[in-house]
N, C-alpha and C. Protein backbone atom coordinates (compact mmCIF):
# COMPACT_ATOMS: atom_id res chain seq x y z
N UNK A 1 21.75 -4.96 8.28
CA UNK A 1 21.27 -5.07 6.56
C UNK A 1 20.94 -6.57 6.86
N UNK A 2 19.80 -7.44 6.89
CA UNK A 2 19.66 -8.91 6.25
C UNK A 2 19.16 -9.04 4.50
N UNK A 3 19.82 -10.98 4.51
CA UNK A 3 19.46 -10.70 3.88
C UNK A 3 19.49 -12.78 3.92
N UNK A 4 18.05 -12.84 2.57
CA UNK A 4 17.89 -14.65 2.78
C UNK A 4 17.83 -14.16 4.86
N UNK A 5 17.28 -13.86 5.28
CA UNK A 5 16.62 -13.43 6.77
C UNK A 5 17.81 -13.12 7.37
N UNK A 6 18.88 -13.79 6.95
CA UNK A 6 19.72 -13.77 7.48
C UNK A 6 21.14 -11.83 7.58
N UNK A 7 20.40 -12.15 9.47
CA UNK A 7 22.01 -10.60 9.70
C UNK A 7 23.19 -10.80 9.55
N UNK A 8 23.57 -10.17 8.03
CA UNK A 8 25.33 -9.77 7.43
C UNK A 8 25.51 -8.41 7.63
N UNK A 9 24.91 -7.59 8.13
CA UNK A 9 25.75 -6.65 9.24
C UNK A 9 25.59 -5.02 9.62
N UNK A 10 25.55 -4.86 11.13
CA UNK A 10 24.88 -3.91 12.14
C UNK A 10 25.71 -3.10 12.68
N UNK A 11 25.33 -1.68 12.42
CA UNK A 11 26.00 -0.39 12.21
C UNK A 11 26.05 -0.60 14.69
N UNK A 12 27.10 0.16 14.88
CA UNK A 12 27.33 0.28 15.85
C UNK A 12 26.49 0.96 16.51
N UNK A 13 25.43 1.70 16.41
CA UNK A 13 24.12 2.44 16.92
C UNK A 13 22.79 1.45 17.50
N UNK A 14 23.63 0.65 16.31
CA UNK A 14 22.35 -0.24 16.98
C UNK A 14 23.52 -0.94 18.03
N UNK A 15 24.68 -1.88 18.01
CA UNK A 15 24.70 -2.32 18.57
C UNK A 15 24.67 -1.68 20.27
N UNK A 16 24.80 -0.68 20.55
CA UNK A 16 23.90 -0.48 21.51
C UNK A 16 22.37 -0.50 21.70
N UNK A 17 21.53 -0.19 20.86
CA UNK A 17 20.64 -0.40 21.16
C UNK A 17 20.26 -1.71 21.91
N UNK A 18 20.08 -2.68 21.06
CA UNK A 18 19.98 -3.76 21.61
C UNK A 18 20.85 -4.16 22.62
N UNK A 19 21.99 -4.13 22.79
CA UNK A 19 22.69 -4.13 24.58
C UNK A 19 23.66 -5.48 23.73
N UNK A 20 24.42 -5.13 23.44
CA UNK A 20 25.25 -6.10 21.98
C UNK A 20 26.48 -6.36 22.73
N UNK A 21 27.89 -6.54 22.90
CA UNK A 21 29.18 -6.49 23.69
C UNK A 21 29.80 -5.94 22.33
N UNK A 22 29.26 -6.35 21.01
CA UNK A 22 30.58 -6.32 19.57
C UNK A 22 28.81 -6.43 18.63
N UNK A 23 29.63 -6.65 17.49
CA UNK A 23 29.21 -6.58 16.18
C UNK A 23 28.70 -8.12 16.21
N UNK A 24 29.51 -9.51 16.41
CA UNK A 24 29.56 -10.60 15.98
C UNK A 24 28.28 -11.14 16.72
N UNK A 25 28.11 -10.16 18.09
CA UNK A 25 27.09 -11.65 18.41
C UNK A 25 25.97 -11.40 18.49
N UNK A 26 25.30 -11.10 17.04
CA UNK A 26 23.84 -10.62 16.06
C UNK A 26 24.56 -11.53 15.07
N UNK A 27 25.79 -11.03 14.51
CA UNK A 27 25.21 -12.08 13.11
C UNK A 27 25.09 -12.76 12.45
N UNK A 28 24.39 -13.42 11.94
CA UNK A 28 23.99 -14.69 11.68
C UNK A 28 22.89 -15.12 12.16
N UNK A 29 21.81 -14.39 12.53
CA UNK A 29 21.05 -15.05 14.01
C UNK A 29 19.94 -14.34 12.43
N UNK A 30 18.99 -15.18 12.41
CA UNK A 30 17.42 -14.96 11.80
C UNK A 30 16.43 -13.77 12.08
N UNK A 31 16.49 -13.33 11.06
CA UNK A 31 15.60 -12.65 11.67
C UNK A 31 13.24 -13.05 11.91
N UNK A 32 13.39 -13.85 10.58
CA UNK A 32 12.46 -14.51 10.97
C UNK A 32 12.15 -15.43 12.52
N UNK A 33 12.79 -15.61 13.07
CA UNK A 33 12.62 -16.26 14.24
C UNK A 33 13.41 -15.29 15.58
N UNK A 34 13.42 -14.26 15.24
CA UNK A 34 13.10 -12.59 16.48
C UNK A 34 11.75 -13.88 17.39
N UNK A 35 11.33 -13.74 18.06
CA UNK A 35 10.68 -13.84 19.55
C UNK A 35 10.11 -12.26 19.70
N UNK A 36 10.03 -11.39 19.04
CA UNK A 36 9.82 -10.61 19.95
C UNK A 36 8.84 -9.53 18.42
N UNK A 37 9.49 -9.93 16.91
CA UNK A 37 8.75 -9.07 16.24
C UNK A 37 7.07 -10.32 16.12
N UNK A 38 5.91 -9.17 16.07
CA UNK A 38 5.11 -10.03 15.22
C UNK A 38 4.52 -10.42 14.58
N UNK A 39 3.91 -11.43 14.49
CA UNK A 39 3.80 -12.59 13.52
C UNK A 39 3.90 -11.76 12.15
N UNK A 40 2.14 -10.93 12.29
CA UNK A 40 1.92 -10.15 11.07
C UNK A 40 2.74 -9.41 10.40
N UNK A 41 3.19 -8.99 11.21
CA UNK A 41 4.89 -8.13 10.92
C UNK A 41 5.90 -8.69 9.96
N UNK A 42 6.17 -10.20 9.83
CA UNK A 42 7.55 -10.56 9.69
C UNK A 42 6.36 -11.38 8.33
N UNK A 43 4.83 -11.84 8.65
CA UNK A 43 4.51 -12.24 7.42
C UNK A 43 4.91 -11.34 6.02
N UNK A 44 4.97 -9.53 6.79
CA UNK A 44 4.37 -8.87 5.59
C UNK A 44 5.77 -8.66 4.86
N UNK A 45 7.16 -8.89 5.58
CA UNK A 45 8.89 -9.03 4.96
C UNK A 45 8.35 -10.28 4.53
N UNK A 46 7.48 -11.38 4.43
CA UNK A 46 7.99 -12.19 3.18
C UNK A 46 7.05 -12.02 2.02
N UNK A 47 6.24 -11.00 2.25
CA UNK A 47 5.34 -10.66 1.12
C UNK A 47 6.35 -8.97 0.08
N UNK A 48 7.50 -9.67 0.91
CA UNK A 48 8.57 -7.71 0.80
C UNK A 48 7.32 -6.67 0.53
N UNK A 49 6.51 -6.29 1.60
CA UNK A 49 6.05 -5.09 1.84
C UNK A 49 7.16 -4.81 2.13
N UNK A 50 6.20 -3.48 2.08
CA UNK A 50 7.58 -1.80 3.08
C UNK A 50 6.31 -1.88 4.53
N UNK A 51 7.15 -1.43 4.95
CA UNK A 51 6.67 -2.39 6.43
C UNK A 51 7.34 -0.90 7.69
N UNK A 52 6.80 -0.59 8.08
CA UNK A 52 6.67 0.07 9.28
C UNK A 52 6.65 0.01 10.95
N UNK A 53 7.09 -0.07 12.12
CA UNK A 53 6.16 -0.28 13.23
C UNK A 53 7.47 -0.07 14.69
N UNK A 54 5.60 0.29 15.24
CA UNK A 54 6.77 0.49 16.85
C UNK A 54 6.21 -0.44 18.24
N UNK A 55 7.35 -1.24 18.76
CA UNK A 55 7.17 -1.88 19.69
C UNK A 55 7.73 -2.15 20.62
N UNK A 56 7.02 -2.50 21.88
CA UNK A 56 8.09 -2.44 23.32
C UNK A 56 8.81 -3.43 23.10
N UNK A 57 10.00 -3.76 23.49
CA UNK A 57 11.11 -4.65 22.66
C UNK A 57 11.97 -5.48 24.25
N UNK A 58 10.91 -6.71 24.56
CA UNK A 58 11.19 -6.78 25.93
C UNK A 58 12.67 -8.16 25.68
N UNK A 59 13.84 -7.31 26.38
CA UNK A 59 15.18 -7.88 26.11
C UNK A 59 14.73 -9.25 26.87
N UNK A 60 14.39 -9.40 28.13
CA UNK A 60 14.06 -10.43 28.69
C UNK A 60 14.17 -11.66 27.65
N UNK A 61 12.70 -11.68 27.21
CA UNK A 61 12.27 -12.30 25.84
C UNK A 61 13.21 -12.83 25.37
N UNK A 62 13.95 -11.96 24.45
CA UNK A 62 15.20 -11.90 23.66
C UNK A 62 15.98 -13.17 24.98
N UNK A 63 16.66 -12.53 25.85
CA UNK A 63 17.25 -13.85 26.80
C UNK A 63 16.75 -14.57 27.21
N UNK A 64 15.78 -15.38 27.41
CA UNK A 64 15.04 -16.24 27.66
C UNK A 64 15.11 -17.22 26.50
N UNK A 65 15.18 -17.01 25.15
CA UNK A 65 14.74 -17.51 24.44
C UNK A 65 16.64 -17.91 23.67
N UNK A 66 17.33 -17.12 24.12
CA UNK A 66 18.64 -17.39 23.31
C UNK A 66 18.35 -16.74 21.83
N UNK A 67 18.35 -15.73 21.81
CA UNK A 67 18.02 -15.41 20.63
C UNK A 67 19.54 -14.48 20.20
N UNK A 68 20.08 -13.86 20.83
CA UNK A 68 21.31 -13.52 20.30
C UNK A 68 21.73 -12.95 22.10
N UNK A 69 23.04 -12.92 22.73
CA UNK A 69 24.10 -12.23 23.90
C UNK A 69 23.59 -11.06 24.38
N UNK A 70 22.31 -10.21 25.11
CA UNK A 70 21.88 -8.82 24.74
C UNK A 70 22.38 -8.89 26.62
N UNK A 71 22.59 -7.64 27.12
CA UNK A 71 23.20 -7.42 28.11
C UNK A 71 22.10 -6.60 28.96
N UNK A 72 20.95 -6.54 28.24
CA UNK A 72 19.99 -5.20 28.70
C UNK A 72 18.76 -6.23 29.08
N UNK A 73 18.37 -6.41 30.17
CA UNK A 73 16.90 -7.08 30.66
C UNK A 73 15.95 -6.36 31.11
N UNK A 74 16.42 -5.05 30.87
CA UNK A 74 14.26 -3.94 30.33
C UNK A 74 13.60 -4.06 29.16
N UNK A 75 13.07 -3.39 29.19
CA UNK A 75 12.61 -3.25 27.43
C UNK A 75 12.85 -1.60 27.13
N UNK A 76 12.85 -1.58 25.91
CA UNK A 76 12.88 0.23 24.93
C UNK A 76 11.31 0.55 24.44
N UNK A 77 11.15 1.35 23.55
CA UNK A 77 10.28 1.67 22.43
C UNK A 77 11.06 1.61 21.04
N UNK A 78 10.97 0.69 20.61
CA UNK A 78 11.80 0.66 19.12
C UNK A 78 10.34 1.21 18.08
N UNK A 79 11.11 1.91 17.34
CA UNK A 79 10.76 2.36 16.62
C UNK A 79 11.91 1.60 14.56
N UNK A 80 10.87 0.97 14.36
CA UNK A 80 11.63 0.29 13.05
C UNK A 80 11.61 0.79 11.57
N UNK A 81 12.37 0.98 10.46
CA UNK A 81 11.49 1.39 9.22
C UNK A 81 12.81 0.64 8.19
N UNK A 82 11.63 -0.58 7.24
CA UNK A 82 12.40 -2.12 6.71
C UNK A 82 11.90 -1.13 5.38
N UNK A 83 12.69 -1.17 4.48
CA UNK A 83 13.31 -0.88 3.40
C UNK A 83 13.80 -1.53 2.19
N UNK A 84 13.70 -1.89 1.54
CA UNK A 84 13.70 -3.17 0.25
C UNK A 84 15.06 -3.18 0.31
N UNK A 85 15.87 -3.38 -1.19
CA UNK A 85 16.83 -3.15 -1.79
C UNK A 85 16.75 -4.08 -3.26
N UNK A 86 16.64 -3.41 -4.41
CA UNK A 86 17.18 -3.95 -5.60
C UNK A 86 17.93 -4.26 -5.95
N UNK A 87 18.53 -4.93 -7.28
CA UNK A 87 19.53 -4.87 -7.91
C UNK A 87 18.95 -4.36 -9.48
N UNK A 88 19.79 -4.02 -10.06
CA UNK A 88 18.93 -3.74 -11.45
C UNK A 88 18.12 -4.17 -12.39
N UNK A 89 18.11 -5.78 -12.26
CA UNK A 89 17.03 -6.90 -12.70
C UNK A 89 15.47 -6.71 -11.46
N UNK A 90 15.47 -5.99 -11.10
CA UNK A 90 14.24 -5.80 -10.15
C UNK A 90 14.52 -6.93 -8.46
N UNK A 91 15.45 -7.67 -8.99
CA UNK A 91 15.31 -8.76 -7.57
C UNK A 91 15.40 -8.34 -5.97
N UNK A 92 14.84 -9.32 -5.43
CA UNK A 92 15.07 -8.61 -3.96
C UNK A 92 16.80 -8.65 -3.94
N UNK A 93 18.04 -8.60 -3.15
CA UNK A 93 18.70 -8.62 -2.27
C UNK A 93 19.20 -8.37 -0.69
N UNK A 94 18.70 -7.06 -0.88
CA UNK A 94 18.15 -7.49 0.92
C UNK A 94 17.31 -6.05 1.73
N UNK A 95 17.14 -6.80 2.92
CA UNK A 95 16.54 -5.96 3.74
C UNK A 95 17.28 -4.37 4.78
N UNK A 96 17.30 -3.71 4.49
CA UNK A 96 17.63 -2.38 4.84
C UNK A 96 16.86 -2.36 6.52
N UNK A 97 17.08 -2.76 7.26
CA UNK A 97 16.65 -1.89 8.79
C UNK A 97 17.02 -0.76 9.04
N UNK A 98 15.83 -0.02 9.94
CA UNK A 98 16.40 1.16 10.67
C UNK A 98 16.05 1.87 12.10
N UNK A 99 16.38 1.31 12.76
CA UNK A 99 16.01 1.35 13.94
C UNK A 99 16.21 2.23 15.25
N UNK A 100 14.94 2.71 15.84
CA UNK A 100 15.21 3.98 16.40
C UNK A 100 14.74 3.71 17.88
N UNK A 101 15.57 3.83 18.68
CA UNK A 101 15.04 3.96 20.36
C UNK A 101 14.77 5.20 20.91
N UNK A 102 13.20 5.08 20.61
CA UNK A 102 11.87 6.17 21.07
C UNK A 102 12.46 7.16 22.23
N UNK A 103 13.20 5.88 23.07
CA UNK A 103 13.79 7.15 24.72
C UNK A 103 14.00 8.58 24.09
N UNK A 104 14.27 9.17 22.91
CA UNK A 104 15.27 9.92 23.14
C UNK A 104 14.11 10.77 21.59
N UNK A 105 13.37 11.39 21.91
CA UNK A 105 12.46 11.65 20.15
C UNK A 105 13.49 12.27 19.12
N UNK A 106 13.93 13.28 20.09
CA UNK A 106 14.43 13.94 18.79
C UNK A 106 15.44 13.58 18.58
N UNK A 107 16.45 13.16 19.20
CA UNK A 107 17.97 11.96 18.10
C UNK A 107 16.95 10.93 17.60
N UNK A 108 16.46 10.52 17.66
CA UNK A 108 15.00 9.35 16.58
C UNK A 108 14.58 10.13 15.35
N UNK A 109 13.90 11.72 15.78
CA UNK A 109 14.07 12.14 14.59
C UNK A 109 14.86 13.08 13.49
N UNK A 110 16.12 12.87 14.33
CA UNK A 110 17.41 13.25 13.78
C UNK A 110 18.19 12.50 12.54
N UNK A 111 18.19 10.91 12.87
CA UNK A 111 17.93 9.91 12.30
C UNK A 111 17.08 9.55 11.04
N UNK A 112 16.01 9.90 11.37
CA UNK A 112 15.40 9.15 10.16
C UNK A 112 15.47 10.78 9.01
N UNK A 113 15.49 11.62 9.48
CA UNK A 113 16.09 12.82 8.44
C UNK A 113 17.22 12.47 7.87
N UNK A 114 18.72 11.76 9.11
CA UNK A 114 19.71 11.81 8.31
C UNK A 114 19.68 11.17 7.20
N UNK A 115 18.76 9.47 7.85
CA UNK A 115 18.59 8.29 6.07
C UNK A 115 17.84 9.11 4.73
N UNK A 116 16.73 9.89 5.12
CA UNK A 116 16.49 10.09 4.10
C UNK A 116 16.96 11.55 3.42
N UNK A 117 18.15 12.14 3.77
CA UNK A 117 19.02 13.43 3.26
C UNK A 117 19.46 12.16 3.01
N UNK A 118 20.29 11.08 3.31
CA UNK A 118 21.42 10.45 2.44
C UNK A 118 20.61 9.69 1.69
N UNK A 119 19.35 9.01 1.65
CA UNK A 119 19.09 8.68 0.25
C UNK A 119 18.77 9.39 -0.89
N UNK A 120 18.06 10.35 0.01
CA UNK A 120 18.27 11.20 -1.57
C UNK A 120 19.41 12.24 -2.42
N UNK A 121 20.49 11.67 -1.42
CA UNK A 121 21.59 12.19 -2.23
C UNK A 121 22.06 11.15 -3.36
N UNK A 122 21.79 9.49 -2.83
CA UNK A 122 22.15 8.43 -3.49
C UNK A 122 21.65 8.24 -4.77
N UNK A 123 20.02 8.50 -4.57
CA UNK A 123 19.35 8.94 -5.72
C UNK A 123 20.19 9.69 -6.53
N UNK A 124 20.65 10.73 -6.34
CA UNK A 124 20.91 11.92 -7.29
C UNK A 124 21.95 11.51 -8.14
N UNK A 125 22.89 11.17 -7.26
CA UNK A 125 24.57 10.72 -7.76
C UNK A 125 23.75 9.73 -8.68
N UNK A 126 23.59 8.39 -8.36
CA UNK A 126 22.98 7.42 -9.41
C UNK A 126 22.29 7.31 -9.96
N UNK A 127 21.60 8.56 -9.71
CA UNK A 127 20.07 9.02 -11.23
C UNK A 127 19.58 7.79 -11.01
N UNK A 128 18.56 6.91 -9.60
CA UNK A 128 18.07 6.43 -9.70
C UNK A 128 17.21 7.20 -9.11
N UNK A 129 15.36 6.88 -9.77
CA UNK A 129 13.50 7.71 -9.34
C UNK A 129 13.50 6.12 -8.53
N UNK A 130 12.48 6.70 -8.00
CA UNK A 130 11.55 5.42 -7.43
C UNK A 130 9.94 6.82 -6.79
N UNK A 131 9.17 5.67 -7.45
CA UNK A 131 7.80 6.11 -7.42
C UNK A 131 7.00 4.49 -6.66
N UNK A 132 6.04 4.99 -6.07
CA UNK A 132 4.94 4.14 -5.98
C UNK A 132 3.59 5.22 -5.96
N UNK A 133 2.70 3.82 -6.34
CA UNK A 133 1.58 4.58 -6.89
C UNK A 133 0.48 3.55 -7.11
N UNK A 134 -0.63 3.77 -6.29
CA UNK A 134 -1.75 2.87 -6.18
C UNK A 134 -2.77 3.22 -7.21
N UNK A 135 -2.76 2.23 -8.11
CA UNK A 135 -3.60 2.20 -9.47
C UNK A 135 -5.01 2.27 -9.17
N UNK A 136 -5.57 1.79 -8.70
CA UNK A 136 -7.12 1.89 -7.95
C UNK A 136 -7.19 3.36 -7.44
N UNK A 137 -6.47 3.21 -6.19
CA UNK A 137 -6.65 4.65 -5.46
C UNK A 137 -6.37 5.89 -5.85
N UNK A 138 -5.30 5.88 -6.92
CA UNK A 138 -5.14 7.61 -7.65
C UNK A 138 -3.31 7.85 -6.62
N UNK A 139 -3.30 7.30 -5.52
CA UNK A 139 -2.38 7.79 -5.15
C UNK A 139 -0.92 7.46 -4.49
N UNK A 140 -0.76 7.91 -4.22
CA UNK A 140 1.00 7.30 -4.41
C UNK A 140 2.32 8.70 -4.08
N UNK A 141 3.45 8.66 -4.00
CA UNK A 141 4.01 9.55 -3.76
C UNK A 141 5.91 9.78 -4.48
N UNK A 142 6.76 10.12 -4.65
CA UNK A 142 8.08 9.91 -5.88
C UNK A 142 8.75 11.01 -5.04
N UNK A 143 9.66 10.38 -5.50
CA UNK A 143 11.19 11.17 -5.17
C UNK A 143 11.54 12.10 -6.04
N UNK A 144 12.42 13.32 -5.59
CA UNK A 144 12.74 13.86 -7.04
C UNK A 144 13.28 13.63 -8.31
N UNK A 145 14.07 12.48 -7.89
CA UNK A 145 15.01 11.62 -9.65
C UNK A 145 14.12 10.99 -10.31
N UNK A 146 12.85 10.98 -9.61
CA UNK A 146 12.15 10.30 -10.53
C UNK A 146 11.50 11.33 -11.27
N UNK A 147 11.24 12.01 -10.81
CA UNK A 147 10.54 12.93 -11.88
C UNK A 147 11.42 13.83 -13.03
N UNK A 148 12.46 14.14 -12.46
CA UNK A 148 13.44 14.52 -13.27
C UNK A 148 13.89 13.50 -14.31
N UNK A 149 14.77 12.15 -13.76
CA UNK A 149 14.26 10.57 -15.09
C UNK A 149 13.16 10.90 -16.39
N UNK A 150 12.10 10.99 -15.68
CA UNK A 150 10.98 10.96 -16.91
C UNK A 150 10.41 13.08 -17.44
N UNK A 151 11.07 13.61 -17.07
CA UNK A 151 10.97 14.79 -17.92
C UNK A 151 10.49 15.14 -17.29
N UNK A 152 9.73 15.49 -16.27
CA UNK A 152 8.78 15.66 -14.87
C UNK A 152 9.22 17.34 -14.50
N UNK A 153 8.57 17.88 -13.99
CA UNK A 153 8.57 18.95 -12.95
C UNK A 153 8.41 18.28 -11.34
N UNK A 154 9.15 18.40 -10.99
CA UNK A 154 9.40 17.70 -9.54
C UNK A 154 7.81 18.22 -8.86
N UNK A 155 7.36 17.14 -7.78
CA UNK A 155 6.42 17.71 -6.77
C UNK A 155 4.98 17.75 -7.73
N UNK A 156 4.74 17.86 -8.74
CA UNK A 156 3.37 17.13 -9.90
C UNK A 156 3.05 16.17 -9.44
N UNK A 157 1.08 16.24 -9.76
CA UNK A 157 0.37 14.92 -8.97
C UNK A 157 0.81 13.89 -10.15
N UNK A 158 0.98 12.91 -9.30
CA UNK A 158 1.06 12.01 -9.66
C UNK A 158 0.18 11.04 -11.15
N UNK A 159 -0.85 11.51 -10.55
CA UNK A 159 -1.94 11.70 -11.68
C UNK A 159 -1.30 12.58 -12.95
N UNK A 160 -0.90 13.17 -12.09
CA UNK A 160 -1.22 13.92 -14.04
C UNK A 160 0.85 13.37 -14.61
N UNK A 161 0.82 12.75 -14.38
CA UNK A 161 2.80 11.17 -14.58
C UNK A 161 2.18 10.29 -15.77
N UNK A 162 1.73 9.99 -14.68
CA UNK A 162 1.81 7.76 -14.98
C UNK A 162 0.22 8.23 -15.47
N UNK A 163 0.85 6.84 -17.11
CA UNK A 163 -0.84 7.52 -17.59
C UNK A 163 -1.22 8.63 -17.99
N UNK A 164 -0.03 9.41 -17.84
CA UNK A 164 0.05 9.92 -19.51
C UNK A 164 1.09 10.04 -20.29
N UNK A 165 2.02 10.39 -19.28
CA UNK A 165 3.65 10.52 -20.21
C UNK A 165 4.15 11.09 -20.93
N UNK A 166 4.05 12.46 -20.13
CA UNK A 166 4.68 13.48 -22.04
C UNK A 166 5.39 13.28 -22.46
N UNK A 167 6.44 13.60 -21.52
CA UNK A 167 7.70 14.14 -21.74
C UNK A 167 8.22 12.38 -22.44
N UNK A 168 7.77 11.26 -22.46
CA UNK A 168 7.78 10.10 -23.49
C UNK A 168 7.60 10.01 -24.70
N UNK A 169 8.85 9.17 -25.24
CA UNK A 169 8.08 8.86 -27.28
C UNK A 169 6.77 8.49 -27.07
N UNK A 170 6.22 9.18 -28.45
CA UNK A 170 4.94 8.10 -29.10
C UNK A 170 4.81 6.67 -28.29
N UNK A 171 6.16 6.36 -29.47
CA UNK A 171 6.05 4.59 -29.03
C UNK A 171 6.11 3.67 -28.15
N UNK A 172 7.04 4.49 -27.34
CA UNK A 172 7.29 4.25 -25.78
C UNK A 172 5.86 4.34 -24.61
N UNK A 173 5.23 5.48 -25.31
CA UNK A 173 4.41 6.01 -24.53
C UNK A 173 3.25 4.67 -24.39
N UNK A 174 2.85 3.90 -25.60
CA UNK A 174 1.88 3.04 -26.01
C UNK A 174 1.89 1.75 -25.10
N UNK A 175 3.62 1.94 -25.30
CA UNK A 175 4.04 0.30 -24.75
C UNK A 175 3.52 0.72 -22.91
N UNK A 176 3.80 1.40 -22.35
CA UNK A 176 3.90 1.68 -20.66
C UNK A 176 1.99 1.46 -21.01
N UNK A 177 1.31 2.32 -21.47
CA UNK A 177 -0.52 2.47 -21.17
C UNK A 177 -0.44 1.04 -21.46
N UNK A 178 -0.42 0.22 -22.58
CA UNK A 178 -1.16 -0.89 -22.76
C UNK A 178 -0.43 -1.83 -21.15
N UNK A 179 1.52 -1.22 -21.05
CA UNK A 179 1.20 -2.33 -19.68
C UNK A 179 0.32 -2.26 -18.06
N UNK A 180 -0.09 -0.79 -18.12
CA UNK A 180 -0.98 -0.95 -17.20
C UNK A 180 -2.47 -1.08 -17.30
N UNK A 181 -3.14 -1.32 -18.59
CA UNK A 181 -4.72 -1.63 -19.06
C UNK A 181 -3.92 -3.26 -18.38
N UNK A 182 -2.53 -4.31 -19.19
CA UNK A 182 -2.98 -4.95 -18.38
C UNK A 182 -2.45 -5.78 -16.93
N UNK A 183 -2.07 -5.25 -16.43
CA UNK A 183 -1.99 -4.67 -14.21
C UNK A 183 -3.60 -5.22 -14.02
N UNK A 184 -4.36 -3.52 -15.35
CA UNK A 184 -5.80 -3.65 -14.35
C UNK A 184 -6.12 -5.07 -14.51
N UNK A 185 -6.70 -5.98 -15.43
CA UNK A 185 -6.66 -6.75 -16.08
C UNK A 185 -6.12 -7.64 -15.37
N UNK A 186 -5.40 -7.21 -14.33
CA UNK A 186 -4.39 -8.93 -13.78
C UNK A 186 -3.86 -10.32 -14.56
N UNK A 187 -3.19 -9.26 -16.26
CA UNK A 187 -2.30 -10.21 -16.72
C UNK A 187 -0.93 -9.87 -17.00
N UNK A 188 -0.47 -8.96 -16.20
CA UNK A 188 0.86 -8.40 -17.12
C UNK A 188 1.01 -8.08 -14.55
N UNK A 189 2.51 -8.18 -13.68
CA UNK A 189 2.56 -8.16 -13.00
C UNK A 189 4.03 -6.93 -12.60
N UNK A 190 5.16 -6.62 -14.02
CA UNK A 190 6.26 -5.98 -14.17
C UNK A 190 6.34 -6.03 -16.15
N UNK A 191 7.32 -4.98 -15.72
CA UNK A 191 7.65 -4.86 -17.11
C UNK A 191 8.89 -3.92 -16.81
N UNK A 192 10.52 -4.27 -17.65
CA UNK A 192 11.56 -3.65 -17.29
C UNK A 192 11.78 -3.07 -19.16
N UNK A 193 11.89 -2.33 -19.15
CA UNK A 193 11.92 -1.61 -20.45
C UNK A 193 12.55 -0.18 -20.71
N UNK A 194 13.25 -0.01 -21.89
CA UNK A 194 14.34 1.39 -21.89
C UNK A 194 13.90 2.59 -22.08
N UNK A 195 13.62 3.28 -21.96
CA UNK A 195 11.82 4.23 -22.58
C UNK A 195 13.14 6.05 -23.22
N UNK A 196 12.69 6.53 -24.55
CA UNK A 196 13.05 7.90 -24.10
C UNK A 196 12.25 8.37 -24.10
N UNK A 197 13.10 9.50 -23.73
CA UNK A 197 12.23 11.05 -22.57
C UNK A 197 12.94 11.38 -23.70
N UNK A 198 11.89 12.58 -23.93
CA UNK A 198 12.70 14.48 -24.78
C UNK A 198 13.12 15.28 -23.44
N UNK A 199 14.33 16.25 -23.50
CA UNK A 199 14.86 17.73 -23.15
C UNK A 199 15.45 18.27 -24.08
N UNK A 200 16.09 18.49 -23.40
CA UNK A 200 16.22 20.15 -24.09
C UNK A 200 17.03 20.13 -25.46
N UNK A 201 18.06 18.78 -25.08
CA UNK A 201 19.25 18.55 -26.21
C UNK A 201 17.67 16.94 -27.68
N UNK A 202 17.20 16.70 -27.01
CA UNK A 202 16.39 16.15 -28.10
C UNK A 202 15.74 14.92 -27.52
N UNK A 203 16.19 13.29 -26.98
CA UNK A 203 15.97 12.61 -26.41
C UNK A 203 17.45 11.80 -25.90
N UNK A 204 16.41 11.19 -24.68
CA UNK A 204 17.63 10.49 -24.00
C UNK A 204 16.88 9.42 -23.28
N UNK A 205 17.69 8.56 -23.56
CA UNK A 205 17.40 7.01 -22.85
C UNK A 205 17.44 7.06 -21.36
N UNK A 206 16.58 6.05 -20.53
CA UNK A 206 16.12 6.25 -19.68
C UNK A 206 16.01 4.75 -19.56
N UNK A 207 15.59 3.74 -18.02
CA UNK A 207 16.09 2.34 -18.09
C UNK A 207 14.46 2.17 -16.37
N UNK A 208 13.33 2.20 -16.82
CA UNK A 208 12.92 2.04 -15.95
C UNK A 208 12.23 0.01 -16.14
N UNK A 209 11.78 -0.21 -14.40
CA UNK A 209 11.25 -1.29 -13.50
C UNK A 209 10.31 -0.79 -13.35
N UNK A 210 9.28 -1.62 -13.73
CA UNK A 210 7.99 -1.32 -12.75
C UNK A 210 7.53 -2.09 -12.13
N UNK A 211 7.55 -2.79 -11.13
CA UNK A 211 6.70 -4.31 -9.84
C UNK A 211 5.55 -3.55 -9.58
N UNK A 212 4.85 -4.71 -9.84
CA UNK A 212 3.07 -4.59 -8.85
C UNK A 212 3.17 -5.16 -7.74
N UNK A 213 2.87 -4.98 -6.77
CA UNK A 213 2.11 -5.74 -5.99
C UNK A 213 0.62 -6.29 -5.62
N UNK A 214 -0.05 -6.97 -5.00
CA UNK A 214 -1.48 -7.29 -4.73
C UNK A 214 -1.75 -6.00 -3.81
N UNK A 215 -2.56 -5.77 -3.99
CA UNK A 215 -3.38 -4.55 -3.22
C UNK A 215 -3.43 -5.45 -1.80
N UNK A 216 -3.14 -4.41 -0.44
CA UNK A 216 -3.44 -5.24 0.84
C UNK A 216 -4.48 -5.54 1.20
N UNK A 217 -5.00 -6.89 1.91
CA UNK A 217 -6.99 -7.11 1.92
C UNK A 217 -6.95 -6.68 3.31
N UNK A 218 -8.29 -6.03 3.08
CA UNK A 218 -9.05 -5.01 4.47
C UNK A 218 -10.02 -5.66 5.04
N UNK A 219 -10.07 -6.26 5.72
CA UNK A 219 -10.87 -6.93 6.83
C UNK A 219 -12.37 -5.73 7.14
N UNK A 220 -13.33 -6.54 7.62
CA UNK A 220 -14.60 -6.37 7.96
C UNK A 220 -15.11 -6.15 6.57
């Protein structure tokens, strides 16, 4: 777990992966000073972009730079997935790193599957939905709770939900549609609003937080 670039927590499996005697040996190190992670990945993290990467992680470089006191001297094939955690106001509070040693691919697959199940479970009980959608390519994905919050059937193509909002109160729908038009004109980047969504008992209130990120630059 990373806050403001500094490691504030690490689990026992990561202690093993990175060759530490104890978790205390790594707490307080700065992510952006890691001599092994490529600069382009660190740049994406600074811009709060979702990042997944795979690299050969050489412990000799870690040792020679005195980045942290690892007991390993060789290297591992590291798979890392980074998730951003936000507070209720949409402010970034932590980076969550899921690190996998690809030496045993089955173990790595099981850990990812376990994490995704855990995230789904948390989102269900907290009733927090999540979706990512590109207004230009019209591509994206969403978790089940997001559909449920908006009164939509799980798995409905996002193009049939975003920009249509058939279950949202007409007055609130107008506001959301106006927001997306402003995004296209680069006049807005975020909105936080309470919406009325129709259900079998009438109208329920939900809170939405929409944040826009600039499109990735294409090379060539």
